[in-house]
Amino acid sequence: MIEEPSVTCPYCGETITVVVDATAGDQRYVEDCFVCCQPIVLSVVTDGAGQLETIETEPENA
């Protein structure tokens, strides 16, 4: 299931929408902020049924 959760950029503090394929299971990947272009590490946790449970952000350059 493709979901579009909103997350807060750890650099500029803006709320952005990201696209997540929850059927792919737990994931960790980098996506650039659409506002400030800084790399954000997204940690996605799903349940066994392919539903998004949590998504956390952290700066890649920390």
PDB file of N, CA and C in Angstrom:
ATOM      1  N   MET A   1       0.844  -1.168   0.000  1.00  0.00           N
ATOM      2  CA  MET A   1       0.000   0.000   0.000  1.00  0.00           C
ATOM      3  C   MET A   1       0.899   1.243   0.000  1.00  0.00           C
ATOM      4  N   ILE A   2       0.659   2.113  -0.943  1.00  0.00           N
ATOM      5  CA  ILE A   2       1.390   3.368  -1.020  1.00  0.00           C
ATOM      6  C   ILE A   2       0.722   4.376  -0.081  1.00  0.00           C
ATOM      7  N   GLU A   3       1.520   4.953   0.803  1.00  0.00           N
ATOM      8  CA  GLU A   3       1.008   5.955   1.740  1.00  0.00           C
ATOM      9  C   GLU A   3       1.809   7.237   1.579  1.00  0.00           C
ATOM     10  N   GLU A   4       1.215   8.347   1.968  1.00  0.00           N
ATOM     11  CA  GLU A   4       1.862   9.648   1.868  1.00  0.00           C
ATOM     12  C   GLU A   4       1.816  10.367   3.216  1.00  0.00           C
ATOM     13  N   PRO A   5       2.632   9.894   4.180  1.00  0.00           N
ATOM     14  CA  PRO A   5       2.633  10.546   5.491  1.00  0.00           C
ATOM     15  C   PRO A   5       3.382  11.875   5.456  1.00  0.00           C
ATOM     16  N   SER A   6       3.053  12.736   6.380  1.00  0.00           N
ATOM     17  CA  SER A   6       3.766  14.000   6.554  1.00  0.00           C
ATOM     18  C   SER A   6       4.802  13.815   7.648  1.00  0.00           C
ATOM     19  N   VAL A   7       5.991  14.350   7.409  1.00  0.00           N
ATOM     20  CA  VAL A   7       7.074  14.290   8.389  1.00  0.00           C
ATOM     21  C   VAL A   7       7.677  15.684   8.519  1.00  0.00           C
ATOM     22  N   THR A   8       8.412  15.902   9.584  1.00  0.00           N
ATOM     23  CA  THR A   8       9.067  17.180   9.807  1.00  0.00           C
ATOM     24  C   THR A   8      10.548  17.054   9.474  1.00  0.00           C
ATOM     25  N   CYS A   9      11.033  17.962   8.661  1.00  0.00           N
ATOM     26  CA  CYS A   9      12.449  17.972   8.294  1.00  0.00           C
ATOM     27  C   CYS A   9      13.279  18.309   9.535  1.00  0.00           C
ATOM     28  N   PRO A  10      14.300  17.496   9.848  1.00  0.00           N
ATOM     29  CA  PRO A  10      15.134  17.772  11.020  1.00  0.00           C
ATOM     30  C   PRO A  10      16.084  18.961  10.826  1.00  0.00           C
ATOM     31  N   TYR A  11      16.199  19.450   9.607  1.00  0.00           N
ATOM     32  CA  TYR A  11      17.063  20.605   9.325  1.00  0.00           C
ATOM     33  C   TYR A  11      16.297  21.918   9.393  1.00  0.00           C
ATOM     34  N   CYS A  12      15.236  22.043   8.569  1.00  0.00           N
ATOM     35  CA  CYS A  12      14.550  23.335   8.448  1.00  0.00           C
ATOM     36  C   CYS A  12      13.235  23.392   9.227  1.00  0.00           C
ATOM     37  N   GLY A  13      12.747  22.250   9.717  1.00  0.00           N
ATOM     38  CA  GLY A  13      11.536  22.227  10.525  1.00  0.00           C
ATOM     39  C   GLY A  13      10.239  22.258   9.735  1.00  0.00           C
ATOM     40  N   GLU A  14      10.325  22.294   8.407  1.00  0.00           N
ATOM     41  CA  GLU A  14       9.119  22.300   7.579  1.00  0.00           C
ATOM     42  C   GLU A  14       8.480  20.915   7.548  1.00  0.00           C
ATOM     43  N   THR A  15       7.171  20.894   7.437  1.00  0.00           N
ATOM     44  CA  THR A  15       6.447  19.638   7.282  1.00  0.00           C
ATOM     45  C   THR A  15       6.375  19.312   5.799  1.00  0.00           C
ATOM     46  N   ILE A  16       6.839  18.111   5.433  1.00  0.00           N
ATOM     47  CA  ILE A  16       6.814  17.684   4.040  1.00  0.00           C
ATOM     48  C   ILE A  16       6.090  16.344   3.941  1.00  0.00           C
ATOM     49  N   THR A  17       5.616  16.031   2.765  1.00  0.00           N
ATOM     50  CA  THR A  17       4.945  14.758   2.508  1.00  0.00           C
ATOM     51  C   THR A  17       5.909  13.848   1.760  1.00  0.00           C
ATOM     52  N   VAL A  18       6.033  12.607   2.226  1.00  0.00           N
ATOM     53  CA  VAL A  18       6.880  11.621   1.561  1.00  0.00           C
ATOM     54  C   VAL A  18       6.014  10.462   1.086  1.00  0.00           C
ATOM     55  N   VAL A  19       6.484   9.742   0.091  1.00  0.00           N
ATOM     56  CA  VAL A  19       5.763   8.587  -0.435  1.00  0.00           C
ATOM     57  C   VAL A  19       6.437   7.329   0.100  1.00  0.00           C
ATOM     58  N   VAL A  20       5.647   6.456   0.734  1.00  0.00           N
ATOM     59  CA  VAL A  20       6.167   5.234   1.349  1.00  0.00           C
ATOM     60  C   VAL A  20       5.374   4.036   0.834  1.00  0.00           C
ATOM     61  N   ASP A  21       6.087   2.996   0.389  1.00  0.00           N
ATOM     62  CA  ASP A  21       5.449   1.737   0.006  1.00  0.00           C
ATOM     63  C   ASP A  21       5.481   0.824   1.231  1.00  0.00           C
ATOM     64  N   ALA A  22       4.388   0.800   1.977  1.00  0.00           N
ATOM     65  CA  ALA A  22       4.328   0.035   3.230  1.00  0.00           C
ATOM     66  C   ALA A  22       4.379  -1.467   2.996  1.00  0.00           C
ATOM     67  N   THR A  23       4.041  -1.932   1.794  1.00  0.00           N
ATOM     68  CA  THR A  23       4.084  -3.373   1.513  1.00  0.00           C
ATOM     69  C   THR A  23       5.516  -3.888   1.411  1.00  0.00           C
ATOM     70  N   ALA A  24       6.498  -2.998   1.328  1.00  0.00           N
ATOM     71  CA  ALA A  24       7.901  -3.400   1.236  1.00  0.00           C
ATOM     72  C   ALA A  24       8.488  -3.734   2.602  1.00  0.00           C
ATOM     73  N   GLY A  25       7.706  -3.592   3.668  1.00  0.00           N
ATOM     74  CA  GLY A  25       8.192  -3.894   5.010  1.00  0.00           C
ATOM     75  C   GLY A  25       8.984  -2.748   5.597  1.00  0.00           C
ATOM     76  N   ASP A  26       9.705  -3.051   6.679  1.00  0.00           N
ATOM     77  CA  ASP A  26      10.508  -2.030   7.349  1.00  0.00           C
ATOM     78  C   ASP A  26      11.601  -1.549   6.400  1.00  0.00           C
ATOM     79  N   GLN A  27      11.851  -0.251   6.416  1.00  0.00           N
ATOM     80  CA  GLN A  27      12.813   0.336   5.495  1.00  0.00           C
ATOM     81  C   GLN A  27      13.605   1.435   6.187  1.00  0.00           C
ATOM     82  N   ARG A  28      14.766   1.709   5.641  1.00  0.00           N
ATOM     83  CA  ARG A  28      15.580   2.845   6.074  1.00  0.00           C
ATOM     84  C   ARG A  28      16.242   3.379   4.810  1.00  0.00           C
ATOM     85  N   TYR A  29      15.946   4.628   4.472  1.00  0.00           N
ATOM     86  CA  TYR A  29      16.491   5.203   3.251  1.00  0.00           C
ATOM     87  C   TYR A  29      16.616   6.710   3.389  1.00  0.00           C
ATOM     88  N   VAL A  30      17.302   7.321   2.441  1.00  0.00           N
ATOM     89  CA  VAL A  30      17.552   8.764   2.458  1.00  0.00           C
ATOM     90  C   VAL A  30      16.715   9.426   1.375  1.00  0.00           C
ATOM     91  N   GLU A  31      16.083  10.530   1.741  1.00  0.00           N
ATOM     92  CA  GLU A  31      15.317  11.337   0.799  1.00  0.00           C
ATOM     93  C   GLU A  31      15.604  12.802   1.105  1.00  0.00           C
ATOM     94  N   ASP A  32      15.767  13.598   0.063  1.00  0.00           N
ATOM     95  CA  ASP A  32      16.051  15.016   0.261  1.00  0.00           C
ATOM     96  C   ASP A  32      14.788  15.774   0.634  1.00  0.00           C
ATOM     97  N   CYS A  33      14.936  16.755   1.522  1.00  0.00           N
ATOM     98  CA  CYS A  33      13.835  17.643   1.878  1.00  0.00           C
ATOM     99  C   CYS A  33      13.474  18.473   0.654  1.00  0.00           C
ATOM    100  N   PHE A  34      12.195  18.610   0.374  1.00  0.00           N
ATOM    101  CA  PHE A  34      11.737  19.369  -0.784  1.00  0.00           C
ATOM    102  C   PHE A  34      11.901  20.875  -0.579  1.00  0.00           C
ATOM    103  N   VAL A  35      12.115  21.299   0.668  1.00  0.00           N
ATOM    104  CA  VAL A  35      12.225  22.726   0.967  1.00  0.00           C
ATOM    105  C   VAL A  35      13.689  23.162   0.993  1.00  0.00           C
ATOM    106  N   CYS A  36      14.509  22.484   1.812  1.00  0.00           N
ATOM    107  CA  CYS A  36      15.895  22.919   1.996  1.00  0.00           C
ATOM    108  C   CYS A  36      16.924  22.029   1.296  1.00  0.00           C
ATOM    109  N   CYS A  37      16.476  20.943   0.687  1.00  0.00           N
ATOM    110  CA  CYS A  37      17.325  20.029  -0.099  1.00  0.00           C
ATOM    111  C   CYS A  37      18.353  19.257   0.721  1.00  0.00           C
ATOM    112  N   GLN A  38      18.219  19.235   2.036  1.00  0.00           N
ATOM    113  CA  GLN A  38      19.131  18.467   2.889  1.00  0.00           C
ATOM    114  C   GLN A  38      18.695  16.998   2.920  1.00  0.00           C
ATOM    115  N   PRO A  39      19.655  16.055   3.068  1.00  0.00           N
ATOM    116  CA  PRO A  39      19.315  14.634   3.091  1.00  0.00           C
ATOM    117  C   PRO A  39      18.733  14.201   4.440  1.00  0.00           C
ATOM    118  N   ILE A  40      17.551  13.599   4.397  1.00  0.00           N
ATOM    119  CA  ILE A  40      16.859  13.126   5.598  1.00  0.00           C
ATOM    120  C   ILE A  40      16.860  11.604   5.594  1.00  0.00           C
ATOM    121  N   VAL A  41      17.258  10.979   6.694  1.00  0.00           N
ATOM    122  CA  VAL A  41      17.172   9.534   6.838  1.00  0.00           C
ATOM    123  C   VAL A  41      15.769   9.209   7.346  1.00  0.00           C
ATOM    124  N   LEU A  42      15.035   8.409   6.589  1.00  0.00           N
ATOM    125  CA  LEU A  42      13.689   7.988   6.973  1.00  0.00           C
ATOM    126  C   LEU A  42      13.752   6.545   7.452  1.00  0.00           C
ATOM    127  N   SER A  43      13.238   6.289   8.644  1.00  0.00           N
ATOM    128  CA  SER A  43      13.149   4.935   9.190  1.00  0.00           C
ATOM    129  C   SER A  43      11.669   4.581   9.269  1.00  0.00           C
ATOM    130  N   VAL A  44      11.259   3.621   8.441  1.00  0.00           N
ATOM    131  CA  VAL A  44       9.858   3.241   8.315  1.00  0.00           C
ATOM    132  C   VAL A  44       9.642   1.896   8.989  1.00  0.00           C
ATOM    133  N   VAL A  45       8.630   1.811   9.856  1.00  0.00           N
ATOM    134  CA  VAL A  45       8.270   0.562  10.516  1.00  0.00           C
ATOM    135  C   VAL A  45       6.836   0.236  10.127  1.00  0.00           C
ATOM    136  N   THR A  46       6.627  -1.011   9.677  1.00  0.00           N
ATOM    137  CA  THR A  46       5.300  -1.468   9.272  1.00  0.00           C
ATOM    138  C   THR A  46       4.875  -2.654  10.124  1.00  0.00           C
ATOM    139  N   ASP A  47       3.573  -2.927  10.112  1.00  0.00           N
ATOM    140  CA  ASP A  47       3.097  -4.130  10.802  1.00  0.00           C
ATOM    141  C   ASP A  47       3.109  -5.298   9.814  1.00  0.00           C
ATOM    142  N   GLY A  48       2.734  -6.464  10.250  1.00  0.00           N
ATOM    143  CA  GLY A  48       2.755  -7.655   9.409  1.00  0.00           C
ATOM    144  C   GLY A  48       1.780  -7.612   8.252  1.00  0.00           C
ATOM    145  N   ALA A  49       0.792  -6.726   8.316  1.00  0.00           N
ATOM    146  CA  ALA A  49      -0.229  -6.635   7.270  1.00  0.00           C
ATOM    147  C   ALA A  49       0.102  -5.564   6.232  1.00  0.00           C
ATOM    148  N   GLY A  50       1.289  -4.973   6.295  1.00  0.00           N
ATOM    149  CA  GLY A  50       1.667  -3.961   5.328  1.00  0.00           C
ATOM    150  C   GLY A  50       1.106  -2.582   5.609  1.00  0.00           C
ATOM    151  N   GLN A  51       0.796  -2.321   6.872  1.00  0.00           N
ATOM    152  CA  GLN A  51       0.301  -1.001   7.265  1.00  0.00           C
ATOM    153  C   GLN A  51       1.440  -0.226   7.926  1.00  0.00           C
ATOM    154  N   LEU A  52       1.505   1.051   7.640  1.00  0.00           N
ATOM    155  CA  LEU A  52       2.523   1.908   8.224  1.00  0.00           C
ATOM    156  C   LEU A  52       2.253   2.102   9.716  1.00  0.00           C
ATOM    157  N   GLU A  53       3.250   1.790  10.544  1.00  0.00           N
ATOM    158  CA  GLU A  53       3.112   2.002  11.997  1.00  0.00           C
ATOM    159  C   GLU A  53       3.758   3.314  12.401  1.00  0.00           C
ATOM    160  N   THR A  54       5.047   3.468  12.088  1.00  0.00           N
ATOM    161  CA  THR A  54       5.756   4.707  12.436  1.00  0.00           C
ATOM    162  C   THR A  54       6.735   5.072  11.332  1.00  0.00           C
ATOM    163  N   ILE A  55       7.037   6.344  11.279  1.00  0.00           N
ATOM    164  CA  ILE A  55       8.104   6.837  10.404  1.00  0.00           C
ATOM    165  C   ILE A  55       8.858   7.889  11.184  1.00  0.00           C
ATOM    166  N   GLU A  56      10.176   7.707  11.276  1.00  0.00           N
ATOM    167  CA  GLU A  56      11.016   8.637  12.022  1.00  0.00           C
ATOM    168  C   GLU A  56      12.011   9.279  11.068  1.00  0.00           C
ATOM    169  N   THR A  57      12.387  10.512  11.375  1.00  0.00           N
ATOM    170  CA  THR A  57      13.367  11.226  10.555  1.00  0.00           C
ATOM    171  C   THR A  57      14.557  11.604  11.399  1.00  0.00           C
ATOM    172  N   GLU A  58      15.712  11.665  10.743  1.00  0.00           N
ATOM    173  CA  GLU A  58      16.918  12.152  11.390  1.00  0.00           C
ATOM    174  C   GLU A  58      17.828  12.738  10.304  1.00  0.00           C
ATOM    175  N   PRO A  59      18.659  13.669  10.677  1.00  0.00           N
ATOM    176  CA  PRO A  59      19.567  14.250   9.689  1.00  0.00           C
ATOM    177  C   PRO A  59      20.635  13.229   9.282  1.00  0.00           C
ATOM    178  N   GLU A  60      20.971  13.181   8.013  1.00  0.00           N
ATOM    179  CA  GLU A  60      22.006  12.264   7.559  1.00  0.00           C
ATOM    180  C   GLU A  60      23.378  12.745   8.008  1.00  0.00           C
ATOM    181  N   ASN A  61      23.548  14.041   8.078  1.00  0.00           N
ATOM    182  CA  ASN A  61      24.844  14.629   8.393  1.00  0.00           C
ATOM    183  C   ASN A  61      25.011  14.939   9.877  1.00  0.00           C
ATOM    184  N   ALA A  62      24.450  14.099  10.728  1.00  0.00           N
ATOM    185  CA  ALA A  62      24.528  14.371  12.172  1.00  0.00           C
ATOM    186  C   ALA A  62      25.807  13.822  12.762  1.00  0.00           C
TER     187      ALA A  62
END
